[in-house]
Amino acid sequence: MESIEGSFIIEVDNQPIGIVEDNGEPHLHASLGPNPAIFTLVDGHLESGGWALGRSLVEDRSLLPKRVFWFNKQHTGLESIHKTVAIITEDSYGLEFAGKITQTF
């Protein structure tokens, strides 16, 4: 599903993805932090404030893990970010970035 009603946090190894600290850059690497970002998933985009979380449509072609970035929506249009899909399992949700399930919550 490309939308989830309501808001939520995302945890990795029991630590939340932290809110983004705006330093003027158009995109920043996502990281864990003590202050959790509050997300909504609307039309395939994870959003928190003026930022969207996801994978860039333009990535290196190596087999290494792909990075998940915060994209400043004022500088970067949502059309340059892979859509995110929520997959419902029996007891949780999974997030799929560009066809790869990367996290459950």
PDB file of N, CA and C in Angstrom:
ATOM      1  N   MET A   1       0.834  -1.164   0.000  1.00  0.00           N
ATOM      2  CA  MET A   1       0.000   0.000   0.000  1.00  0.00           C
ATOM      3  C   MET A   1       0.883   1.232   0.000  1.00  0.00           C
ATOM      4  N   GLU A   2       0.438   2.260  -0.681  1.00  0.00           N
ATOM      5  CA  GLU A   2       1.243   3.472  -0.822  1.00  0.00           C
ATOM      6  C   GLU A   2       0.880   4.551   0.193  1.00  0.00           C
ATOM      7  N   SER A   3      -0.102   4.298   1.036  1.00  0.00           N
ATOM      8  CA  SER A   3      -0.479   5.252   2.072  1.00  0.00           C
ATOM      9  C   SER A   3      -0.877   4.503   3.335  1.00  0.00           C
ATOM     10  N   ILE A   4      -0.571   5.097   4.482  1.00  0.00           N
ATOM     11  CA  ILE A   4      -0.981   4.568   5.783  1.00  0.00           C
ATOM     12  C   ILE A   4      -1.688   5.699   6.505  1.00  0.00           C
ATOM     13  N   GLU A   5      -2.854   5.396   7.040  1.00  0.00           N
ATOM     14  CA  GLU A   5      -3.579   6.413   7.791  1.00  0.00           C
ATOM     15  C   GLU A   5      -2.873   6.642   9.123  1.00  0.00           C
ATOM     16  N   GLY A   6      -2.628   7.872   9.476  1.00  0.00           N
ATOM     17  CA  GLY A   6      -1.973   8.205  10.739  1.00  0.00           C
ATOM     18  C   GLY A   6      -0.475   8.347  10.589  1.00  0.00           C
ATOM     19  N   SER A   7       0.178   8.617  11.712  1.00  0.00           N
ATOM     20  CA  SER A   7       1.628   8.815  11.713  1.00  0.00           C
ATOM     21  C   SER A   7       2.299   7.720  12.536  1.00  0.00           C
ATOM     22  N   PHE A   8       3.626   7.586  12.376  1.00  0.00           N
ATOM     23  CA  PHE A   8       4.361   6.510  13.026  1.00  0.00           C
ATOM     24  C   PHE A   8       5.837   6.870  13.089  1.00  0.00           C
ATOM     25  N   ILE A   9       6.581   6.117  13.899  1.00  0.00           N
ATOM     26  CA  ILE A   9       8.037   6.231  13.908  1.00  0.00           C
ATOM     27  C   ILE A   9       8.603   4.959  13.300  1.00  0.00           C
ATOM     28  N   ILE A  10       9.853   5.005  12.870  1.00  0.00           N
ATOM     29  CA  ILE A  10      10.535   3.835  12.308  1.00  0.00           C
ATOM     30  C   ILE A  10      11.753   3.564  13.171  1.00  0.00           C
ATOM     31  N   GLU A  11      11.886   2.318  13.621  1.00  0.00           N
ATOM     32  CA  GLU A  11      13.033   1.923  14.431  1.00  0.00           C
ATOM     33  C   GLU A  11      13.880   0.897  13.691  1.00  0.00           C
ATOM     34  N   VAL A  12      15.181   1.002  13.895  1.00  0.00           N
ATOM     35  CA  VAL A  12      16.145   0.036  13.383  1.00  0.00           C
ATOM     36  C   VAL A  12      16.943  -0.436  14.583  1.00  0.00           C
ATOM     37  N   ASP A  13      16.929  -1.730  14.851  1.00  0.00           N
ATOM     38  CA  ASP A  13      17.602  -2.287  16.027  1.00  0.00           C
ATOM     39  C   ASP A  13      17.189  -1.549  17.304  1.00  0.00           C
ATOM     40  N   ASN A  14      15.894  -1.316  17.452  1.00  0.00           N
ATOM     41  CA  ASN A  14      15.299  -0.668  18.630  1.00  0.00           C
ATOM     42  C   ASN A  14      15.720   0.779  18.822  1.00  0.00           C
ATOM     43  N   GLN A  15      16.236   1.423  17.799  1.00  0.00           N
ATOM     44  CA  GLN A  15      16.562   2.843  17.849  1.00  0.00           C
ATOM     45  C   GLN A  15      15.815   3.551  16.726  1.00  0.00           C
ATOM     46  N   PRO A  16      15.217   4.708  17.031  1.00  0.00           N
ATOM     47  CA  PRO A  16      14.428   5.381  15.995  1.00  0.00           C
ATOM     48  C   PRO A  16      15.301   6.118  14.984  1.00  0.00           C
ATOM     49  N   ILE A  17      14.759   6.245  13.778  1.00  0.00           N
ATOM     50  CA  ILE A  17      15.372   7.159  12.814  1.00  0.00           C
ATOM     51  C   ILE A  17      15.143   8.551  13.372  1.00  0.00           C
ATOM     52  N   GLY A  18      16.235   9.305  13.504  1.00  0.00           N
ATOM     53  CA  GLY A  18      16.166  10.615  14.141  1.00  0.00           C
ATOM     54  C   GLY A  18      15.680  11.701  13.211  1.00  0.00           C
ATOM     55  N   ILE A  19      15.184  12.775  13.825  1.00  0.00           N
ATOM     56  CA  ILE A  19      14.762  13.920  13.030  1.00  0.00           C
ATOM     57  C   ILE A  19      15.974  14.480  12.292  1.00  0.00           C
ATOM     58  N   VAL A  20      15.719  15.060  11.168  1.00  0.00           N
ATOM     59  CA  VAL A  20      16.797  15.599  10.343  1.00  0.00           C
ATOM     60  C   VAL A  20      17.158  16.997  10.833  1.00  0.00           C
ATOM     61  N   GLU A  21      18.439  17.282  10.845  1.00  0.00           N
ATOM     62  CA  GLU A  21      18.938  18.602  11.224  1.00  0.00           C
ATOM     63  C   GLU A  21      19.288  19.345   9.943  1.00  0.00           C
ATOM     64  N   ASP A  22      18.505  20.341   9.604  1.00  0.00           N
ATOM     65  CA  ASP A  22      18.681  21.084   8.352  1.00  0.00           C
ATOM     66  C   ASP A  22      19.967  21.895   8.399  1.00  0.00           C
ATOM     67  N   ASN A  23      20.873  21.618   7.454  1.00  0.00           N
ATOM     68  CA  ASN A  23      22.112  22.397   7.357  1.00  0.00           C
ATOM     69  C   ASN A  23      22.241  23.070   5.993  1.00  0.00           C
ATOM     70  N   GLY A  24      21.127  23.160   5.271  1.00  0.00           N
ATOM     71  CA  GLY A  24      21.132  23.819   3.977  1.00  0.00           C
ATOM     72  C   GLY A  24      21.380  22.896   2.798  1.00  0.00           C
ATOM     73  N   GLU A  25      21.746  21.647   3.053  1.00  0.00           N
ATOM     74  CA  GLU A  25      22.009  20.689   1.972  1.00  0.00           C
ATOM     75  C   GLU A  25      20.680  20.173   1.401  1.00  0.00           C
ATOM     76  N   PRO A  26      20.649  19.812   0.116  1.00  0.00           N
ATOM     77  CA  PRO A  26      19.408  19.306  -0.472  1.00  0.00           C
ATOM     78  C   PRO A  26      19.056  17.889  -0.026  1.00  0.00           C
ATOM     79  N   HIS A  27      20.075  17.083   0.368  1.00  0.00           N
ATOM     80  CA  HIS A  27      19.786  15.751   0.913  1.00  0.00           C
ATOM     81  C   HIS A  27      20.868  15.381   1.929  1.00  0.00           C
ATOM     82  N   LEU A  28      20.471  14.582   2.907  1.00  0.00           N
ATOM     83  CA  LEU A  28      21.360  14.158   3.988  1.00  0.00           C
ATOM     84  C   LEU A  28      21.160  12.677   4.249  1.00  0.00           C
ATOM     85  N   HIS A  29      22.209  11.988   4.652  1.00  0.00           N
ATOM     86  CA  HIS A  29      22.111  10.576   4.976  1.00  0.00           C
ATOM     87  C   HIS A  29      21.254  10.405   6.224  1.00  0.00           C
ATOM     88  N   ALA A  30      20.321   9.493   6.182  1.00  0.00           N
ATOM     89  CA  ALA A  30      19.459   9.225   7.340  1.00  0.00           C
ATOM     90  C   ALA A  30      20.273   8.525   8.422  1.00  0.00           C
ATOM     91  N   SER A  31      19.978   8.857   9.666  1.00  0.00           N
ATOM     92  CA  SER A  31      20.687   8.221  10.776  1.00  0.00           C
ATOM     93  C   SER A  31      19.743   8.031  11.957  1.00  0.00           C
ATOM     94  N   LEU A  32      20.176   7.203  12.885  1.00  0.00           N
ATOM     95  CA  LEU A  32      19.414   6.966  14.097  1.00  0.00           C
ATOM     96  C   LEU A  32      19.681   8.094  15.071  1.00  0.00           C
ATOM     97  N   GLY A  33      18.737   8.362  15.950  1.00  0.00           N
ATOM     98  CA  GLY A  33      18.942   9.440  16.898  1.00  0.00           C
ATOM     99  C   GLY A  33      17.966   9.372  18.056  1.00  0.00           C
ATOM    100  N   PRO A  34      18.247  10.123  19.125  1.00  0.00           N
ATOM    101  CA  PRO A  34      17.401  10.057  20.314  1.00  0.00           C
ATOM    102  C   PRO A  34      16.035  10.712  20.127  1.00  0.00           C
ATOM    103  N   ASN A  35      15.920  11.648  19.184  1.00  0.00           N
ATOM    104  CA  ASN A  35      14.648  12.318  18.921  1.00  0.00           C
ATOM    105  C   ASN A  35      14.034  11.732  17.659  1.00  0.00           C
ATOM    106  N   PRO A  36      13.007  10.884  17.790  1.00  0.00           N
ATOM    107  CA  PRO A  36      12.473  10.198  16.614  1.00  0.00           C
ATOM    108  C   PRO A  36      11.730  11.122  15.666  1.00  0.00           C
ATOM    109  N   ALA A  37      11.914  10.870  14.391  1.00  0.00           N
ATOM    110  CA  ALA A  37      11.140  11.554  13.358  1.00  0.00           C
ATOM    111  C   ALA A  37       9.748  10.923  13.330  1.00  0.00           C
ATOM    112  N   ILE A  38       8.738  11.743  13.145  1.00  0.00           N
ATOM    113  CA  ILE A  38       7.363  11.270  13.032  1.00  0.00           C
ATOM    114  C   ILE A  38       7.012  11.287  11.546  1.00  0.00           C
ATOM    115  N   PHE A  39       6.668  10.112  11.025  1.00  0.00           N
ATOM    116  CA  PHE A  39       6.449   9.945   9.591  1.00  0.00           C
ATOM    117  C   PHE A  39       4.982   9.804   9.232  1.00  0.00           C
ATOM    118  N   THR A  40       4.683  10.172   7.995  1.00  0.00           N
ATOM    119  CA  THR A  40       3.442   9.802   7.331  1.00  0.00           C
ATOM    120  C   THR A  40       3.851   9.154   6.010  1.00  0.00           C
ATOM    121  N   LEU A  41       3.028   8.239   5.535  1.00  0.00           N
ATOM    122  CA  LEU A  41       3.246   7.634   4.216  1.00  0.00           C
ATOM    123  C   LEU A  41       2.036   7.995   3.366  1.00  0.00           C
ATOM    124  N   VAL A  42       2.250   8.884   2.404  1.00  0.00           N
ATOM    125  CA  VAL A  42       1.172   9.361   1.546  1.00  0.00           C
ATOM    126  C   VAL A  42       1.628   9.263   0.099  1.00  0.00           C
ATOM    127  N   ASP A  43       0.859   8.570  -0.701  1.00  0.00           N
ATOM    128  CA  ASP A  43       1.143   8.418  -2.139  1.00  0.00           C
ATOM    129  C   ASP A  43       2.566   7.923  -2.395  1.00  0.00           C
ATOM    130  N   GLY A  44       3.043   7.016  -1.561  1.00  0.00           N
ATOM    131  CA  GLY A  44       4.345   6.403  -1.786  1.00  0.00           C
ATOM    132  C   GLY A  44       5.534   7.201  -1.292  1.00  0.00           C
ATOM    133  N   HIS A  45       5.299   8.224  -0.483  1.00  0.00           N
ATOM    134  CA  HIS A  45       6.409   9.032   0.021  1.00  0.00           C
ATOM    135  C   HIS A  45       6.364   9.123   1.539  1.00  0.00           C
ATOM    136  N   LEU A  46       7.483   8.756   2.181  1.00  0.00           N
ATOM    137  CA  LEU A  46       7.634   8.903   3.628  1.00  0.00           C
ATOM    138  C   LEU A  46       8.016  10.341   3.898  1.00  0.00           C
ATOM    139  N   GLU A  47       7.181  11.043   4.645  1.00  0.00           N
ATOM    140  CA  GLU A  47       7.439  12.457   4.874  1.00  0.00           C
ATOM    141  C   GLU A  47       7.461  12.761   6.366  1.00  0.00           C
ATOM    142  N   SER A  48       8.309  13.729   6.718  1.00  0.00           N
ATOM    143  CA  SER A  48       8.401  14.235   8.079  1.00  0.00           C
ATOM    144  C   SER A  48       8.780  15.706   7.975  1.00  0.00           C
ATOM    145  N   GLY A  49       7.838  16.574   8.306  1.00  0.00           N
ATOM    146  CA  GLY A  49       8.094  18.005   8.155  1.00  0.00           C
ATOM    147  C   GLY A  49       8.311  18.337   6.696  1.00  0.00           C
ATOM    148  N   GLY A  50       9.298  19.137   6.394  1.00  0.00           N
ATOM    149  CA  GLY A  50       9.613  19.528   5.025  1.00  0.00           C
ATOM    150  C   GLY A  50      10.554  18.577   4.321  1.00  0.00           C
ATOM    151  N   TRP A  51      10.684  17.355   4.848  1.00  0.00           N
ATOM    152  CA  TRP A  51      11.627  16.377   4.302  1.00  0.00           C
ATOM    153  C   TRP A  51      10.913  15.094   3.907  1.00  0.00           C
ATOM    154  N   ALA A  52      11.504  14.371   2.958  1.00  0.00           N
ATOM    155  CA  ALA A  52      11.037  13.049   2.552  1.00  0.00           C
ATOM    156  C   ALA A  52      12.198  12.065   2.732  1.00  0.00           C
ATOM    157  N   LEU A  53      11.899  10.860   3.188  1.00  0.00           N
ATOM    158  CA  LEU A  53      12.912   9.828   3.411  1.00  0.00           C
ATOM    159  C   LEU A  53      12.783   8.778   2.319  1.00  0.00           C
ATOM    160  N   GLY A  54      13.894   8.419   1.679  1.00  0.00           N
ATOM    161  CA  GLY A  54      13.833   7.396   0.648  1.00  0.00           C
ATOM    162  C   GLY A  54      15.152   7.201  -0.063  1.00  0.00           C
ATOM    163  N   ARG A  55      15.103   6.415  -1.134  1.00  0.00           N
ATOM    164  CA  ARG A  55      16.272   6.177  -1.977  1.00  0.00           C
ATOM    165  C   ARG A  55      16.163   7.018  -3.232  1.00  0.00           C
ATOM    166  N   SER A  56      17.286   7.533  -3.646  1.00  0.00           N
ATOM    167  CA  SER A  56      17.338   8.344  -4.857  1.00  0.00           C
ATOM    168  C   SER A  56      17.119   7.471  -6.087  1.00  0.00           C
ATOM    169  N   LEU A  57      16.467   8.028  -7.090  1.00  0.00           N
ATOM    170  CA  LEU A  57      16.316   7.306  -8.351  1.00  0.00           C
ATOM    171  C   LEU A  57      17.658   7.113  -9.043  1.00  0.00           C
ATOM    172  N   VAL A  58      18.616   8.002  -8.772  1.00  0.00           N
ATOM    173  CA  VAL A  58      19.955   7.910  -9.353  1.00  0.00           C
ATOM    174  C   VAL A  58      20.887   7.365  -8.274  1.00  0.00           C
ATOM    175  N   GLU A  59      21.329   6.115  -8.441  1.00  0.00           N
ATOM    176  CA  GLU A  59      22.189   5.458  -7.451  1.00  0.00           C
ATOM    177  C   GLU A  59      23.369   4.803  -8.152  1.00  0.00           C
ATOM    178  N   ASP A  60      24.400   4.487  -7.351  1.00  0.00           N
ATOM    179  CA  ASP A  60      25.509   3.739  -7.944  1.00  0.00           C
ATOM    180  C   ASP A  60      25.007   2.342  -8.297  1.00  0.00           C
ATOM    181  N   ARG A  61      25.643   1.708  -9.242  1.00  0.00           N
ATOM    182  CA  ARG A  61      25.184   0.406  -9.730  1.00  0.00           C
ATOM    183  C   ARG A  61      25.926  -0.756  -9.097  1.00  0.00           C
ATOM    184  N   SER A  62      26.655  -0.496  -8.022  1.00  0.00           N
ATOM    185  CA  SER A  62      27.378  -1.568  -7.349  1.00  0.00           C
ATOM    186  C   SER A  62      26.392  -2.480  -6.608  1.00  0.00           C
ATOM    187  N   LEU A  63      26.910  -3.589  -6.120  1.00  0.00           N
ATOM    188  CA  LEU A  63      26.082  -4.505  -5.347  1.00  0.00           C
ATOM    189  C   LEU A  63      26.073  -4.156  -3.857  1.00  0.00           C
ATOM    190  N   LEU A  64      26.720  -3.071  -3.495  1.00  0.00           N
ATOM    191  CA  LEU A  64      26.747  -2.638  -2.101  1.00  0.00           C
ATOM    192  C   LEU A  64      25.353  -2.174  -1.671  1.00  0.00           C
ATOM    193  N   PRO A  65      25.080  -2.190  -0.356  1.00  0.00           N
ATOM    194  CA  PRO A  65      23.778  -1.686   0.114  1.00  0.00           C
ATOM    195  C   PRO A  65      23.556  -0.241  -0.325  1.00  0.00           C
ATOM    196  N   LYS A  66      22.325   0.075  -0.636  1.00  0.00           N
ATOM    197  CA  LYS A  66      21.984   1.419  -1.089  1.00  0.00           C
ATOM    198  C   LYS A  66      21.596   2.292   0.103  1.00  0.00           C
ATOM    199  N   ARG A  67      21.945   3.565   0.026  1.00  0.00           N
ATOM    200  CA  ARG A  67      21.701   4.498   1.122  1.00  0.00           C
ATOM    201  C   ARG A  67      20.269   5.025   1.087  1.00  0.00           C
ATOM    202  N   VAL A  68      19.785   5.314   2.266  1.00  0.00           N
ATOM    203  CA  VAL A  68      18.495   5.972   2.424  1.00  0.00           C
ATOM    204  C   VAL A  68      18.797   7.387   2.896  1.00  0.00           C
ATOM    205  N   PHE A  69      18.236   8.366   2.196  1.00  0.00           N
ATOM    206  CA  PHE A  69      18.519   9.769   2.463  1.00  0.00           C
ATOM    207  C   PHE A  69      17.257  10.527   2.874  1.00  0.00           C
ATOM    208  N   TRP A  70      17.488  11.627   3.578  1.00  0.00           N
ATOM    209  CA  TRP A  70      16.483  12.662   3.755  1.00  0.00           C
ATOM    210  C   TRP A  70      16.630  13.602   2.562  1.00  0.00           C
ATOM    211  N   PHE A  71      15.536  13.938   1.919  1.00  0.00           N
ATOM    212  CA  PHE A  71      15.527  14.874   0.805  1.00  0.00           C
ATOM    213  C   PHE A  71      14.704  16.089   1.207  1.00  0.00           C
ATOM    214  N   ASN A  72      15.305  17.266   1.110  1.00  0.00           N
ATOM    215  CA  ASN A  72      14.594  18.507   1.394  1.00  0.00           C
ATOM    216  C   ASN A  72      13.604  18.741   0.253  1.00  0.00           C
ATOM    217  N   LYS A  73      12.322  18.764   0.574  1.00  0.00           N
ATOM    218  CA  LYS A  73      11.300  18.862  -0.476  1.00  0.00           C
ATOM    219  C   LYS A  73      11.325  20.203  -1.197  1.00  0.00           C
ATOM    220  N   GLN A  74      11.881  21.243  -0.591  1.00  0.00           N
ATOM    221  CA  GLN A  74      11.985  22.533  -1.279  1.00  0.00           C
ATOM    222  C   GLN A  74      13.076  22.503  -2.345  1.00  0.00           C
ATOM    223  N   HIS A  75      14.125  21.693  -2.138  1.00  0.00           N
ATOM    224  CA  HIS A  75      15.259  21.633  -3.070  1.00  0.00           C
ATOM    225  C   HIS A  75      15.158  20.465  -4.040  1.00  0.00           C
ATOM    226  N   THR A  76      14.514  19.387  -3.612  1.00  0.00           N
ATOM    227  CA  THR A  76      14.453  18.169  -4.409  1.00  0.00           C
ATOM    228  C   THR A  76      12.997  17.772  -4.568  1.00  0.00           C
ATOM    229  N   GLY A  77      12.547  17.622  -5.764  1.00  0.00           N
ATOM    230  CA  GLY A  77      11.169  17.194  -5.982  1.00  0.00           C
ATOM    231  C   GLY A  77      10.974  15.736  -5.625  1.00  0.00           C
ATOM    232  N   LEU A  78       9.779  15.379  -5.224  1.00  0.00           N
ATOM    233  CA  LEU A  78       9.489  13.998  -4.864  1.00  0.00           C
ATOM    234  C   LEU A  78       9.631  13.052  -6.047  1.00  0.00           C
ATOM    235  N   GLU A  79       9.603  13.588  -7.265  1.00  0.00           N
ATOM    236  CA  GLU A  79       9.732  12.729  -8.448  1.00  0.00           C
ATOM    237  C   GLU A  79      11.133  12.151  -8.611  1.00  0.00           C
ATOM    238  N   SER A  80      12.123  12.622  -7.844  1.00  0.00           N
ATOM    239  CA  SER A  80      13.485  12.092  -7.931  1.00  0.00           C
ATOM    240  C   SER A  80      13.775  11.046  -6.849  1.00  0.00           C
ATOM    241  N   ILE A  81      12.726  10.636  -6.117  1.00  0.00           N
ATOM    242  CA  ILE A  81      12.874   9.675  -5.032  1.00  0.00           C
ATOM    243  C   ILE A  81      12.058   8.425  -5.364  1.00  0.00           C
ATOM    244  N   HIS A  82      12.662   7.235  -5.143  1.00  0.00           N
ATOM    245  CA  HIS A  82      11.901   5.992  -5.307  1.00  0.00           C
ATOM    246  C   HIS A  82      10.699   6.017  -4.388  1.00  0.00           C
ATOM    247  N   LYS A  83       9.591   5.509  -4.861  1.00  0.00           N
ATOM    248  CA  LYS A  83       8.413   5.407  -3.999  1.00  0.00           C
ATOM    249  C   LYS A  83       8.645   4.327  -2.949  1.00  0.00           C
ATOM    250  N   THR A  84       8.015   4.520  -1.802  1.00  0.00           N
ATOM    251  CA  THR A  84       8.074   3.578  -0.694  1.00  0.00           C
ATOM    252  C   THR A  84       6.708   2.923  -0.564  1.00  0.00           C
ATOM    253  N   VAL A  85       6.701   1.615  -0.344  1.00  0.00           N
ATOM    254  CA  VAL A  85       5.456   0.867  -0.211  1.00  0.00           C
ATOM    255  C   VAL A  85       5.464   0.176   1.140  1.00  0.00           C
ATOM    256  N   ALA A  86       4.327   0.197   1.823  1.00  0.00           N
ATOM    257  CA  ALA A  86       4.176  -0.527   3.085  1.00  0.00           C
ATOM    258  C   ALA A  86       3.581  -1.895   2.781  1.00  0.00           C
ATOM    259  N   ILE A  87       4.212  -2.925   3.321  1.00  0.00           N
ATOM    260  CA  ILE A  87       3.754  -4.301   3.163  1.00  0.00           C
ATOM    261  C   ILE A  87       3.226  -4.750   4.520  1.00  0.00           C
ATOM    262  N   ILE A  88       1.987  -5.219   4.563  1.00  0.00           N
ATOM    263  CA  ILE A  88       1.401  -5.667   5.827  1.00  0.00           C
ATOM    264  C   ILE A  88       1.653  -7.156   5.983  1.00  0.00           C
ATOM    265  N   THR A  89       2.246  -7.535   7.136  1.00  0.00           N
ATOM    266  CA  THR A  89       2.399  -8.941   7.492  1.00  0.00           C
ATOM    267  C   THR A  89       1.416  -9.223   8.632  1.00  0.00           C
ATOM    268  N   GLU A  90       1.478 -10.402   9.215  1.00  0.00           N
ATOM    269  CA  GLU A  90       0.523 -10.764  10.267  1.00  0.00           C
ATOM    270  C   GLU A  90       0.571  -9.837  11.468  1.00  0.00           C
ATOM    271  N   ASP A  91       1.758  -9.424  11.884  1.00  0.00           N
ATOM    272  CA  ASP A  91       1.867  -8.641  13.118  1.00  0.00           C
ATOM    273  C   ASP A  91       2.674  -7.355  12.974  1.00  0.00           C
ATOM    274  N   SER A  92       2.997  -6.965  11.748  1.00  0.00           N
ATOM    275  CA  SER A  92       3.804  -5.751  11.582  1.00  0.00           C
ATOM    276  C   SER A  92       3.657  -5.222  10.154  1.00  0.00           C
ATOM    277  N   TYR A  93       4.317  -4.108   9.921  1.00  0.00           N
ATOM    278  CA  TYR A  93       4.428  -3.532   8.586  1.00  0.00           C
ATOM    279  C   TYR A  93       5.877  -3.663   8.146  1.00  0.00           C
ATOM    280  N   GLY A  94       6.085  -3.780   6.858  1.00  0.00           N
ATOM    281  CA  GLY A  94       7.418  -3.720   6.289  1.00  0.00           C
ATOM    282  C   GLY A  94       7.459  -2.567   5.306  1.00  0.00           C
ATOM    283  N   LEU A  95       8.605  -1.931   5.193  1.00  0.00           N
ATOM    284  CA  LEU A  95       8.766  -0.857   4.216  1.00  0.00           C
ATOM    285  C   LEU A  95       9.610  -1.366   3.070  1.00  0.00           C
ATOM    286  N   GLU A  96       9.163  -1.100   1.876  1.00  0.00           N
ATOM    287  CA  GLU A  96       9.853  -1.533   0.670  1.00  0.00           C
ATOM    288  C   GLU A  96      10.318  -0.292  -0.070  1.00  0.00           C
ATOM    289  N   PHE A  97      11.649  -0.127  -0.134  1.00  0.00           N
ATOM    290  CA  PHE A  97      12.252   0.974  -0.890  1.00  0.00           C
ATOM    291  C   PHE A  97      12.737   0.402  -2.213  1.00  0.00           C
ATOM    292  N   ALA A  98      12.200   0.853  -3.309  1.00  0.00           N
ATOM    293  CA  ALA A  98      12.628   0.432  -4.653  1.00  0.00           C
ATOM    294  C   ALA A  98      12.596  -1.089  -4.810  1.00  0.00           C
ATOM    295  N   GLY A  99      11.543  -1.714  -4.269  1.00  0.00           N
ATOM    296  CA  GLY A  99      11.366  -3.142  -4.446  1.00  0.00           C
ATOM    297  C   GLY A  99      12.092  -4.032  -3.465  1.00  0.00           C
ATOM    298  N   LYS A 100      12.765  -3.472  -2.473  1.00  0.00           N
ATOM    299  CA  LYS A 100      13.506  -4.257  -1.485  1.00  0.00           C
ATOM    300  C   LYS A 100      12.962  -3.963  -0.098  1.00  0.00           C
ATOM    301  N   ILE A 101      12.503  -4.994   0.625  1.00  0.00           N
ATOM    302  CA  ILE A 101      12.044  -4.783   1.992  1.00  0.00           C
ATOM    303  C   ILE A 101      13.257  -4.536   2.864  1.00  0.00           C
ATOM    304  N   THR A 102      13.256  -3.406   3.540  1.00  0.00           N
ATOM    305  CA  THR A 102      14.428  -3.036   4.320  1.00  0.00           C
ATOM    306  C   THR A 102      14.159  -2.928   5.803  1.00  0.00           C
ATOM    307  N   GLN A 103      12.910  -2.758   6.200  1.00  0.00           N
ATOM    308  CA  GLN A 103      12.645  -2.571   7.624  1.00  0.00           C
ATOM    309  C   GLN A 103      11.197  -2.958   7.937  1.00  0.00           C
ATOM    310  N   THR A 104      10.989  -3.554   9.108  1.00  0.00           N
ATOM    311  CA  THR A 104       9.649  -3.820   9.575  1.00  0.00           C
ATOM    312  C   THR A 104       9.384  -3.010  10.814  1.00  0.00           C
ATOM    313  N   PHE A 105       8.135  -2.702  11.070  1.00  0.00           N
ATOM    314  CA  PHE A 105       7.776  -1.954  12.275  1.00  0.00           C
ATOM    315  C   PHE A 105       6.387  -2.350  12.722  1.00  0.00           C
TER     316      PHE A 105
END
